[in-house]
Amino acid sequence: MKLFQLILILLILSTSYPANASRDTNSYDGNIFPIYAGNGAIVPPQTTLEESLKNQRVSVLFFYLDDSSDSKAMAPVISGLDLIWRNNIDLIALTTDELQSDKSKSNQPNYYWNGLIPQTIILDSKGEVRFDMNGMVNIDDLNKIIGELKGIDISDSKFSVESFNEYNSIISEKK
């Protein structure tokens, strides 16, 4: 019996596979926000674009895919916006899988999506596009635009995204 248990344990240990999650690959590792940004509260969004526009709030739309290395790299920046502006903006992060074949009216997120990922869009309280960019975006650029829209001077603050391990990053203020 002990020999059988020993063989079974050795068999289990020899057939285990290492985790291959990586921020630099286009592999699906799960939801990118809890894995690469340490903030699973971003998805699903707390509000809809329609509600945000109705309430005349500044909205940040972020279109991404969980299996995109560029989206994984942007996750800490979007998470940083959530930490900095949490109660002052509506952050709406959406995977583009369900948007692929649907173009809708202007109060729906897919109206703004240009078909590329990641895409970051900032809408003012009137629903006008104030920023629209694909790829990596500097958090300071986003903060500057949001600060202007909210009437808050943030010219003294500079933030950076710093990796503290292979998977996670943090937002810190430069001094």
N, C-alpha and C. Protein backbone atom coordinates (compact mmCIF):
# COMPACT_ATOMS: atom_id res chain seq x y z
N MET A 1 0.83 -1.20 0.00
CA MET A 1 0.00 0.00 0.00
C MET A 1 0.87 1.26 0.00
N LYS A 2 1.94 1.26 0.82
CA LYS A 2 2.82 2.43 0.88
C LYS A 2 3.54 2.63 -0.44
N LEU A 3 3.88 1.57 -1.11
CA LEU A 3 4.53 1.68 -2.41
C LEU A 3 3.59 2.32 -3.43
N PHE A 4 2.34 1.93 -3.37
CA PHE A 4 1.34 2.51 -4.26
C PHE A 4 1.18 4.01 -4.01
N GLN A 5 1.13 4.42 -2.75
CA GLN A 5 1.00 5.83 -2.39
C GLN A 5 2.23 6.61 -2.84
N LEU A 6 3.40 6.04 -2.67
CA LEU A 6 4.63 6.69 -3.10
C LEU A 6 4.65 6.89 -4.61
N ILE A 7 4.27 5.86 -5.34
CA ILE A 7 4.21 5.97 -6.81
C ILE A 7 3.19 7.01 -7.24
N LEU A 8 2.05 7.03 -6.58
CA LEU A 8 1.00 8.01 -6.90
C LEU A 8 1.49 9.44 -6.63
N ILE A 9 2.16 9.66 -5.55
CA ILE A 9 2.69 11.00 -5.22
C ILE A 9 3.74 11.42 -6.23
N LEU A 10 4.64 10.51 -6.57
CA LEU A 10 5.66 10.82 -7.58
C LEU A 10 5.04 11.11 -8.94
N LEU A 11 4.02 10.37 -9.27
CA LEU A 11 3.34 10.59 -10.55
C LEU A 11 2.67 11.96 -10.58
N ILE A 12 2.03 12.34 -9.51
CA ILE A 12 1.38 13.65 -9.44
C ILE A 12 2.41 14.77 -9.51
N LEU A 13 3.50 14.64 -8.78
CA LEU A 13 4.52 15.67 -8.78
C LEU A 13 5.24 15.79 -10.13
N SER A 14 5.41 14.69 -10.80
CA SER A 14 6.12 14.74 -12.08
C SER A 14 5.26 15.21 -13.24
N THR A 15 3.95 15.21 -13.09
CA THR A 15 3.08 15.64 -14.19
C THR A 15 2.47 17.01 -13.96
N SER A 16 2.87 17.71 -12.93
CA SER A 16 2.31 19.05 -12.70
C SER A 16 2.91 20.03 -13.71
N TYR A 17 2.11 20.98 -14.10
CA TYR A 17 2.53 21.97 -15.08
C TYR A 17 2.69 23.33 -14.41
N PRO A 18 3.74 24.05 -14.76
CA PRO A 18 3.91 25.39 -14.17
C PRO A 18 2.89 26.36 -14.75
N ALA A 19 2.58 27.39 -14.00
CA ALA A 19 1.70 28.44 -14.50
C ALA A 19 2.47 29.27 -15.51
N ASN A 20 1.87 29.55 -16.64
CA ASN A 20 2.57 30.26 -17.70
C ASN A 20 1.98 31.64 -17.98
N ALA A 21 1.37 32.24 -16.99
CA ALA A 21 0.82 33.58 -17.18
C ALA A 21 1.96 34.57 -17.37
N SER A 22 1.76 35.47 -18.31
CA SER A 22 2.78 36.48 -18.56
C SER A 22 2.15 37.72 -19.15
N ARG A 23 2.59 38.85 -18.65
CA ARG A 23 2.08 40.13 -19.13
C ARG A 23 2.54 40.43 -20.55
N ASP A 24 3.61 39.79 -20.99
CA ASP A 24 4.20 40.09 -22.30
C ASP A 24 3.71 39.20 -23.43
N THR A 25 2.74 38.34 -23.17
CA THR A 25 2.24 37.45 -24.22
C THR A 25 0.77 37.72 -24.50
N ASN A 26 0.33 37.29 -25.65
CA ASN A 26 -1.09 37.40 -26.00
C ASN A 26 -1.82 36.12 -25.60
N SER A 27 -1.56 35.66 -24.40
CA SER A 27 -2.22 34.46 -23.89
C SER A 27 -3.35 34.86 -22.96
N TYR A 28 -4.35 34.00 -22.88
CA TYR A 28 -5.45 34.24 -21.95
C TYR A 28 -5.04 33.71 -20.58
N ASP A 29 -4.98 34.61 -19.61
CA ASP A 29 -4.58 34.23 -18.26
C ASP A 29 -5.72 34.44 -17.26
N GLY A 30 -6.84 34.92 -17.72
CA GLY A 30 -7.96 35.27 -16.85
C GLY A 30 -8.19 36.77 -16.96
N ASN A 31 -9.04 37.29 -16.10
CA ASN A 31 -9.34 38.72 -16.12
C ASN A 31 -8.08 39.52 -15.78
N ILE A 32 -7.71 40.45 -16.65
CA ILE A 32 -6.44 41.16 -16.51
C ILE A 32 -6.39 42.10 -15.31
N PHE A 33 -7.51 42.61 -14.84
CA PHE A 33 -7.47 43.60 -13.77
C PHE A 33 -7.07 43.01 -12.42
N PRO A 34 -7.64 41.89 -11.96
CA PRO A 34 -7.13 41.34 -10.70
C PRO A 34 -5.73 40.76 -10.83
N ILE A 35 -5.40 40.22 -12.01
CA ILE A 35 -4.09 39.56 -12.17
C ILE A 35 -2.97 40.57 -12.33
N TYR A 36 -3.11 41.52 -13.24
CA TYR A 36 -2.01 42.42 -13.58
C TYR A 36 -2.11 43.80 -12.94
N ALA A 37 -3.26 44.15 -12.39
CA ALA A 37 -3.40 45.47 -11.78
C ALA A 37 -3.81 45.37 -10.31
N GLY A 38 -4.13 44.18 -9.84
CA GLY A 38 -4.50 44.01 -8.44
C GLY A 38 -5.82 44.66 -8.09
N ASN A 39 -6.71 44.85 -9.07
CA ASN A 39 -7.97 45.55 -8.81
C ASN A 39 -9.09 44.89 -9.60
N GLY A 40 -9.71 43.89 -9.03
CA GLY A 40 -10.81 43.20 -9.69
C GLY A 40 -12.12 43.96 -9.63
N ALA A 41 -12.17 45.09 -8.92
CA ALA A 41 -13.41 45.85 -8.78
C ALA A 41 -13.75 46.65 -10.03
N ILE A 42 -12.83 46.72 -10.98
CA ILE A 42 -13.08 47.51 -12.19
C ILE A 42 -14.11 46.82 -13.10
N VAL A 43 -14.09 45.50 -13.12
CA VAL A 43 -15.03 44.76 -13.96
C VAL A 43 -15.90 43.88 -13.08
N PRO A 44 -17.17 43.80 -13.38
CA PRO A 44 -17.88 44.59 -14.38
C PRO A 44 -17.98 46.05 -13.94
N PRO A 45 -18.19 46.96 -14.91
CA PRO A 45 -18.27 48.38 -14.57
C PRO A 45 -19.40 48.65 -13.57
N GLN A 46 -19.19 49.65 -12.73
CA GLN A 46 -20.17 50.00 -11.71
C GLN A 46 -21.38 50.74 -12.28
N THR A 47 -21.22 51.27 -13.50
CA THR A 47 -22.30 52.00 -14.14
C THR A 47 -22.24 51.76 -15.65
N THR A 48 -23.27 52.19 -16.34
CA THR A 48 -23.28 52.10 -17.79
C THR A 48 -22.95 53.47 -18.38
N LEU A 49 -22.56 53.48 -19.62
CA LEU A 49 -22.29 54.76 -20.28
C LEU A 49 -23.57 55.59 -20.36
N GLU A 50 -24.66 54.95 -20.62
CA GLU A 50 -25.95 55.66 -20.69
C GLU A 50 -26.25 56.37 -19.38
N GLU A 51 -26.04 55.69 -18.23
CA GLU A 51 -26.27 56.31 -16.92
C GLU A 51 -25.28 57.44 -16.67
N SER A 52 -24.04 57.24 -17.06
CA SER A 52 -23.01 58.25 -16.86
C SER A 52 -23.33 59.52 -17.63
N LEU A 53 -23.74 59.36 -18.88
CA LEU A 53 -24.11 60.52 -19.70
C LEU A 53 -25.36 61.20 -19.14
N LYS A 54 -26.31 60.41 -18.70
CA LYS A 54 -27.54 60.97 -18.11
C LYS A 54 -27.22 61.79 -16.86
N ASN A 55 -26.24 61.33 -16.07
CA ASN A 55 -25.85 62.01 -14.84
C ASN A 55 -24.79 63.09 -15.07
N GLN A 56 -24.42 63.32 -16.33
CA GLN A 56 -23.46 64.34 -16.74
C GLN A 56 -22.13 64.21 -15.98
N ARG A 57 -21.60 62.99 -16.00
CA ARG A 57 -20.32 62.73 -15.35
C ARG A 57 -19.24 62.51 -16.40
N VAL A 58 -18.01 62.78 -16.03
CA VAL A 58 -16.87 62.48 -16.89
C VAL A 58 -16.76 60.95 -16.96
N SER A 59 -16.63 60.44 -18.17
CA SER A 59 -16.57 58.99 -18.38
C SER A 59 -15.25 58.62 -19.03
N VAL A 60 -14.64 57.55 -18.54
CA VAL A 60 -13.46 56.98 -19.18
C VAL A 60 -13.86 55.60 -19.69
N LEU A 61 -13.82 55.44 -21.00
CA LEU A 61 -14.08 54.14 -21.61
C LEU A 61 -12.74 53.48 -21.91
N PHE A 62 -12.63 52.22 -21.55
CA PHE A 62 -11.41 51.47 -21.85
C PHE A 62 -11.84 50.17 -22.51
N PHE A 63 -11.46 50.01 -23.77
CA PHE A 63 -11.77 48.80 -24.52
C PHE A 63 -10.54 47.91 -24.54
N TYR A 64 -10.71 46.64 -24.20
CA TYR A 64 -9.57 45.74 -24.06
C TYR A 64 -9.98 44.31 -24.36
N LEU A 65 -8.97 43.45 -24.42
CA LEU A 65 -9.17 42.00 -24.45
C LEU A 65 -8.26 41.39 -23.40
N ASP A 66 -8.74 40.36 -22.73
CA ASP A 66 -7.95 39.70 -21.69
C ASP A 66 -6.73 38.98 -22.24
N ASP A 67 -6.73 38.67 -23.55
CA ASP A 67 -5.60 37.95 -24.12
C ASP A 67 -4.71 38.85 -24.98
N SER A 68 -4.65 40.12 -24.66
CA SER A 68 -3.82 41.08 -25.38
C SER A 68 -2.71 41.60 -24.45
N SER A 69 -1.46 41.47 -24.88
CA SER A 69 -0.36 41.96 -24.04
C SER A 69 -0.43 43.47 -23.87
N ASP A 70 -0.88 44.19 -24.88
CA ASP A 70 -1.02 45.65 -24.75
C ASP A 70 -2.11 46.01 -23.72
N SER A 71 -3.20 45.25 -23.72
CA SER A 71 -4.26 45.49 -22.72
C SER A 71 -3.75 45.17 -21.32
N LYS A 72 -2.96 44.09 -21.20
CA LYS A 72 -2.40 43.73 -19.90
C LYS A 72 -1.48 44.85 -19.39
N ALA A 73 -0.71 45.45 -20.29
CA ALA A 73 0.20 46.53 -19.90
C ALA A 73 -0.57 47.78 -19.47
N MET A 74 -1.74 48.01 -20.05
CA MET A 74 -2.55 49.19 -19.70
C MET A 74 -3.37 48.99 -18.44
N ALA A 75 -3.59 47.76 -18.01
CA ALA A 75 -4.43 47.48 -16.84
C ALA A 75 -4.01 48.26 -15.60
N PRO A 76 -2.70 48.34 -15.27
CA PRO A 76 -2.33 49.13 -14.08
C PRO A 76 -2.63 50.62 -14.23
N VAL A 77 -2.55 51.15 -15.44
CA VAL A 77 -2.86 52.57 -15.66
C VAL A 77 -4.34 52.82 -15.40
N ILE A 78 -5.20 51.95 -15.94
CA ILE A 78 -6.64 52.09 -15.74
C ILE A 78 -6.98 51.89 -14.26
N SER A 79 -6.34 50.94 -13.62
CA SER A 79 -6.54 50.74 -12.19
C SER A 79 -6.09 51.97 -11.40
N GLY A 80 -5.00 52.59 -11.83
CA GLY A 80 -4.52 53.82 -11.19
C GLY A 80 -5.53 54.94 -11.29
N LEU A 81 -6.16 55.07 -12.46
CA LEU A 81 -7.22 56.09 -12.61
C LEU A 81 -8.34 55.83 -11.62
N ASP A 82 -8.69 54.55 -11.46
CA ASP A 82 -9.74 54.21 -10.51
C ASP A 82 -9.35 54.60 -9.09
N LEU A 83 -8.10 54.38 -8.73
CA LEU A 83 -7.64 54.73 -7.38
C LEU A 83 -7.61 56.25 -7.17
N ILE A 84 -7.17 56.98 -8.18
CA ILE A 84 -7.01 58.43 -8.05
C ILE A 84 -8.35 59.16 -8.13
N TRP A 85 -9.21 58.74 -9.06
CA TRP A 85 -10.44 59.48 -9.36
C TRP A 85 -11.72 58.74 -8.97
N ARG A 86 -11.63 57.73 -8.17
CA ARG A 86 -12.71 56.78 -7.90
C ARG A 86 -14.12 57.39 -7.83
N ASN A 87 -14.35 58.40 -7.04
CA ASN A 87 -15.70 58.96 -6.88
C ASN A 87 -15.98 60.15 -7.79
N ASN A 88 -15.01 60.51 -8.63
CA ASN A 88 -15.16 61.70 -9.46
C ASN A 88 -15.42 61.43 -10.93
N ILE A 89 -15.21 60.19 -11.36
CA ILE A 89 -15.43 59.83 -12.76
C ILE A 89 -16.13 58.48 -12.82
N ASP A 90 -16.66 58.17 -13.98
CA ASP A 90 -17.18 56.83 -14.22
C ASP A 90 -16.21 56.10 -15.12
N LEU A 91 -15.64 55.04 -14.62
CA LEU A 91 -14.68 54.23 -15.36
C LEU A 91 -15.41 53.00 -15.89
N ILE A 92 -15.42 52.87 -17.21
CA ILE A 92 -16.17 51.79 -17.85
C ILE A 92 -15.20 50.98 -18.72
N ALA A 93 -14.72 49.88 -18.17
CA ALA A 93 -13.79 48.99 -18.87
C ALA A 93 -14.59 47.83 -19.46
N LEU A 94 -14.44 47.64 -20.77
CA LEU A 94 -15.24 46.63 -21.47
C LEU A 94 -14.37 45.79 -22.39
N THR A 95 -14.58 44.47 -22.36
CA THR A 95 -13.93 43.63 -23.35
C THR A 95 -14.68 43.82 -24.67
N THR A 96 -13.96 43.72 -25.75
CA THR A 96 -14.55 44.00 -27.06
C THR A 96 -15.18 42.77 -27.70
N ASP A 97 -15.12 41.63 -27.06
CA ASP A 97 -15.69 40.41 -27.63
C ASP A 97 -17.16 40.60 -28.03
N GLU A 98 -17.94 41.17 -27.13
CA GLU A 98 -19.37 41.34 -27.41
C GLU A 98 -19.67 42.53 -28.31
N LEU A 99 -18.68 43.36 -28.60
CA LEU A 99 -18.88 44.54 -29.43
C LEU A 99 -18.52 44.31 -30.90
N GLN A 100 -17.94 43.15 -31.20
CA GLN A 100 -17.36 42.90 -32.52
C GLN A 100 -18.30 43.20 -33.68
N SER A 101 -19.56 42.85 -33.58
CA SER A 101 -20.44 42.98 -34.75
C SER A 101 -21.59 43.96 -34.53
N ASP A 102 -21.50 44.80 -33.53
CA ASP A 102 -22.63 45.67 -33.21
C ASP A 102 -22.20 47.14 -33.17
N LYS A 103 -22.80 47.94 -34.01
CA LYS A 103 -22.63 49.40 -33.95
C LYS A 103 -23.96 49.98 -33.48
N SER A 104 -23.91 50.80 -32.46
CA SER A 104 -25.14 51.32 -31.88
C SER A 104 -25.18 52.82 -31.87
N LYS A 105 -26.21 53.32 -31.22
CA LYS A 105 -26.38 54.76 -31.09
C LYS A 105 -25.36 55.35 -30.14
N SER A 106 -25.29 56.66 -30.09
CA SER A 106 -24.20 57.37 -29.41
C SER A 106 -24.16 57.19 -27.90
N ASN A 107 -25.20 56.71 -27.27
CA ASN A 107 -25.12 56.54 -25.82
C ASN A 107 -24.69 55.13 -25.44
N GLN A 108 -24.20 54.35 -26.41
CA GLN A 108 -23.69 53.01 -26.16
C GLN A 108 -22.18 52.99 -26.39
N PRO A 109 -21.44 52.23 -25.60
CA PRO A 109 -19.97 52.23 -25.72
C PRO A 109 -19.44 51.84 -27.10
N ASN A 110 -20.07 50.88 -27.76
CA ASN A 110 -19.53 50.42 -29.04
C ASN A 110 -19.59 51.48 -30.12
N TYR A 111 -20.35 52.53 -29.93
CA TYR A 111 -20.37 53.66 -30.86
C TYR A 111 -18.99 54.32 -30.92
N TYR A 112 -18.26 54.31 -29.81
CA TYR A 112 -16.97 54.98 -29.70
C TYR A 112 -15.79 54.08 -30.03
N TRP A 113 -15.99 52.78 -30.03
CA TRP A 113 -14.90 51.85 -30.26
C TRP A 113 -14.49 51.85 -31.72
N ASN A 114 -13.19 52.02 -32.00
CA ASN A 114 -12.70 52.10 -33.38
C ASN A 114 -12.23 50.77 -33.94
N GLY A 115 -12.38 49.68 -33.19
CA GLY A 115 -12.02 48.36 -33.67
C GLY A 115 -10.63 47.90 -33.25
N LEU A 116 -9.85 48.76 -32.61
CA LEU A 116 -8.50 48.40 -32.16
C LEU A 116 -8.46 48.37 -30.64
N ILE A 117 -7.53 47.58 -30.10
CA ILE A 117 -7.38 47.52 -28.65
C ILE A 117 -5.91 47.66 -28.28
N PRO A 118 -5.64 48.11 -27.09
CA PRO A 118 -6.56 48.77 -26.18
C PRO A 118 -6.87 50.18 -26.68
N GLN A 119 -8.02 50.66 -26.33
CA GLN A 119 -8.43 52.02 -26.69
C GLN A 119 -8.95 52.70 -25.43
N THR A 120 -8.46 53.90 -25.19
CA THR A 120 -8.87 54.69 -24.03
C THR A 120 -9.53 55.96 -24.53
N ILE A 121 -10.74 56.23 -24.04
CA ILE A 121 -11.53 57.40 -24.46
C ILE A 121 -11.99 58.13 -23.21
N ILE A 122 -11.88 59.44 -23.23
CA ILE A 122 -12.43 60.25 -22.15
C ILE A 122 -13.53 61.12 -22.73
N LEU A 123 -14.71 61.03 -22.13
CA LEU A 123 -15.85 61.85 -22.52
C LEU A 123 -16.11 62.87 -21.43
N ASP A 124 -16.37 64.12 -21.83
CA ASP A 124 -16.69 65.13 -20.82
C ASP A 124 -18.12 64.93 -20.34
N SER A 125 -18.58 65.79 -19.45
CA SER A 125 -19.91 65.63 -18.85
C SER A 125 -21.04 65.83 -19.85
N LYS A 126 -20.73 66.37 -21.01
CA LYS A 126 -21.74 66.55 -22.07
C LYS A 126 -21.70 65.41 -23.09
N GLY A 127 -20.77 64.47 -22.90
CA GLY A 127 -20.66 63.34 -23.81
C GLY A 127 -19.76 63.58 -25.01
N GLU A 128 -19.01 64.68 -24.99
CA GLU A 128 -18.08 64.98 -26.08
C GLU A 128 -16.76 64.27 -25.85
N VAL A 129 -16.20 63.71 -26.92
CA VAL A 129 -14.91 63.02 -26.82
C VAL A 129 -13.82 64.06 -26.62
N ARG A 130 -13.09 63.94 -25.52
CA ARG A 130 -11.99 64.86 -25.20
C ARG A 130 -10.63 64.21 -25.36
N PHE A 131 -10.62 62.87 -25.42
CA PHE A 131 -9.38 62.12 -25.60
C PHE A 131 -9.74 60.78 -26.21
N ASP A 132 -8.96 60.35 -27.20
CA ASP A 132 -9.19 59.05 -27.84
C ASP A 132 -7.86 58.55 -28.36
N MET A 133 -7.35 57.46 -27.77
CA MET A 133 -6.04 56.95 -28.18
C MET A 133 -5.98 55.44 -28.02
N ASN A 134 -5.31 54.81 -28.95
CA ASN A 134 -5.05 53.38 -28.88
C ASN A 134 -3.66 53.13 -28.33
N GLY A 135 -3.45 51.95 -27.74
CA GLY A 135 -2.14 51.56 -27.24
C GLY A 135 -1.88 52.09 -25.85
N MET A 136 -0.58 52.11 -25.49
CA MET A 136 -0.18 52.59 -24.17
C MET A 136 -0.41 54.08 -24.05
N VAL A 137 -0.95 54.48 -22.93
CA VAL A 137 -1.23 55.88 -22.65
C VAL A 137 -0.58 56.21 -21.31
N ASN A 138 0.05 57.36 -21.23
CA ASN A 138 0.69 57.81 -20.00
C ASN A 138 -0.39 58.25 -19.01
N ILE A 139 -0.28 57.80 -17.78
CA ILE A 139 -1.28 58.15 -16.77
C ILE A 139 -1.32 59.65 -16.51
N ASP A 140 -0.18 60.34 -16.64
CA ASP A 140 -0.16 61.79 -16.43
C ASP A 140 -1.00 62.52 -17.47
N ASP A 141 -0.96 62.04 -18.72
CA ASP A 141 -1.78 62.64 -19.78
C ASP A 141 -3.26 62.49 -19.46
N LEU A 142 -3.66 61.31 -19.00
CA LEU A 142 -5.05 61.07 -18.65
C LEU A 142 -5.46 61.91 -17.44
N ASN A 143 -4.60 61.97 -16.43
CA ASN A 143 -4.90 62.77 -15.24
C ASN A 143 -5.04 64.24 -15.58
N LYS A 144 -4.20 64.74 -16.48
CA LYS A 144 -4.27 66.15 -16.87
C LYS A 144 -5.62 66.46 -17.51
N ILE A 145 -6.07 65.61 -18.41
CA ILE A 145 -7.35 65.85 -19.09
C ILE A 145 -8.50 65.74 -18.10
N ILE A 146 -8.48 64.70 -17.26
CA ILE A 146 -9.55 64.55 -16.28
C ILE A 146 -9.55 65.72 -15.30
N GLY A 147 -8.37 66.13 -14.86
CA GLY A 147 -8.27 67.28 -13.96
C GLY A 147 -8.85 68.54 -14.58
N GLU A 148 -8.55 68.79 -15.85
CA GLU A 148 -9.12 69.96 -16.53
C GLU A 148 -10.64 69.86 -16.60
N LEU A 149 -11.15 68.68 -16.92
CA LEU A 149 -12.60 68.50 -17.01
C LEU A 149 -13.29 68.65 -15.67
N LYS A 150 -12.59 68.26 -14.60
CA LYS A 150 -13.17 68.35 -13.26
C LYS A 150 -12.86 69.68 -12.58
N GLY A 151 -12.03 70.53 -13.23
CA GLY A 151 -11.67 71.81 -12.64
C GLY A 151 -10.69 71.68 -11.49
N ILE A 152 -9.84 70.67 -11.54
CA ILE A 152 -8.87 70.41 -10.48
C ILE A 152 -7.47 70.57 -11.06
N ASP A 153 -6.65 71.41 -10.44
CA ASP A 153 -5.28 71.62 -10.90
C ASP A 153 -4.40 70.50 -10.36
N ILE A 154 -3.89 69.69 -11.25
CA ILE A 154 -3.01 68.59 -10.82
C ILE A 154 -1.62 68.75 -11.42
N SER A 155 -1.25 69.97 -11.77
CA SER A 155 0.03 70.20 -12.44
C SER A 155 1.23 69.80 -11.58
N ASP A 156 1.08 69.79 -10.27
CA ASP A 156 2.20 69.42 -9.39
C ASP A 156 2.35 67.91 -9.24
N SER A 157 1.31 67.16 -9.57
CA SER A 157 1.35 65.72 -9.36
C SER A 157 1.83 65.01 -10.61
N LYS A 158 2.72 64.08 -10.41
CA LYS A 158 3.21 63.22 -11.49
C LYS A 158 3.14 61.79 -10.97
N PHE A 159 2.48 60.94 -11.71
CA PHE A 159 2.32 59.56 -11.30
C PHE A 159 3.10 58.65 -12.23
N SER A 160 3.49 57.50 -11.71
CA SER A 160 4.17 56.52 -12.55
C SER A 160 3.63 55.14 -12.23
N VAL A 161 3.72 54.26 -13.22
CA VAL A 161 3.32 52.88 -13.05
C VAL A 161 4.60 52.09 -12.84
N GLU A 162 4.72 51.44 -11.68
CA GLU A 162 5.92 50.69 -11.35
C GLU A 162 5.57 49.24 -11.11
N SER A 163 6.28 48.33 -11.78
CA SER A 163 6.08 46.90 -11.56
C SER A 163 6.77 46.49 -10.28
N PHE A 164 6.08 45.72 -9.44
CA PHE A 164 6.74 45.22 -8.25
C PHE A 164 6.92 43.71 -8.30
N ASN A 165 6.39 43.06 -9.30
CA ASN A 165 6.72 41.67 -9.61
C ASN A 165 6.33 41.42 -11.06
N GLU A 166 6.45 40.19 -11.50
CA GLU A 166 6.20 39.89 -12.91
C GLU A 166 4.76 40.19 -13.33
N TYR A 167 3.84 40.16 -12.39
CA TYR A 167 2.43 40.27 -12.73
C TYR A 167 1.78 41.59 -12.34
N ASN A 168 2.18 42.17 -11.24
CA ASN A 168 1.47 43.33 -10.71
C ASN A 168 2.29 44.61 -10.77
N SER A 169 1.56 45.71 -10.85
CA SER A 169 2.16 47.03 -10.84
C SER A 169 1.42 47.88 -9.84
N ILE A 170 2.07 48.97 -9.45
CA ILE A 170 1.43 49.93 -8.56
C ILE A 170 1.57 51.31 -9.16
N ILE A 171 0.69 52.20 -8.78
CA ILE A 171 0.76 53.60 -9.18
C ILE A 171 1.38 54.35 -8.01
N SER A 172 2.42 55.11 -8.29
CA SER A 172 3.03 55.90 -7.22
C SER A 172 3.21 57.33 -7.71
N GLU A 173 3.24 58.24 -6.77
CA GLU A 173 3.44 59.64 -7.11
C GLU A 173 4.92 59.94 -7.11
N LYS A 174 5.39 60.55 -8.19
CA LYS A 174 6.80 60.95 -8.28
C LYS A 174 7.01 62.15 -7.39
N LYS A 175 8.14 62.18 -6.74
CA LYS A 175 8.42 63.31 -5.85
C LYS A 175 9.55 64.11 -6.40
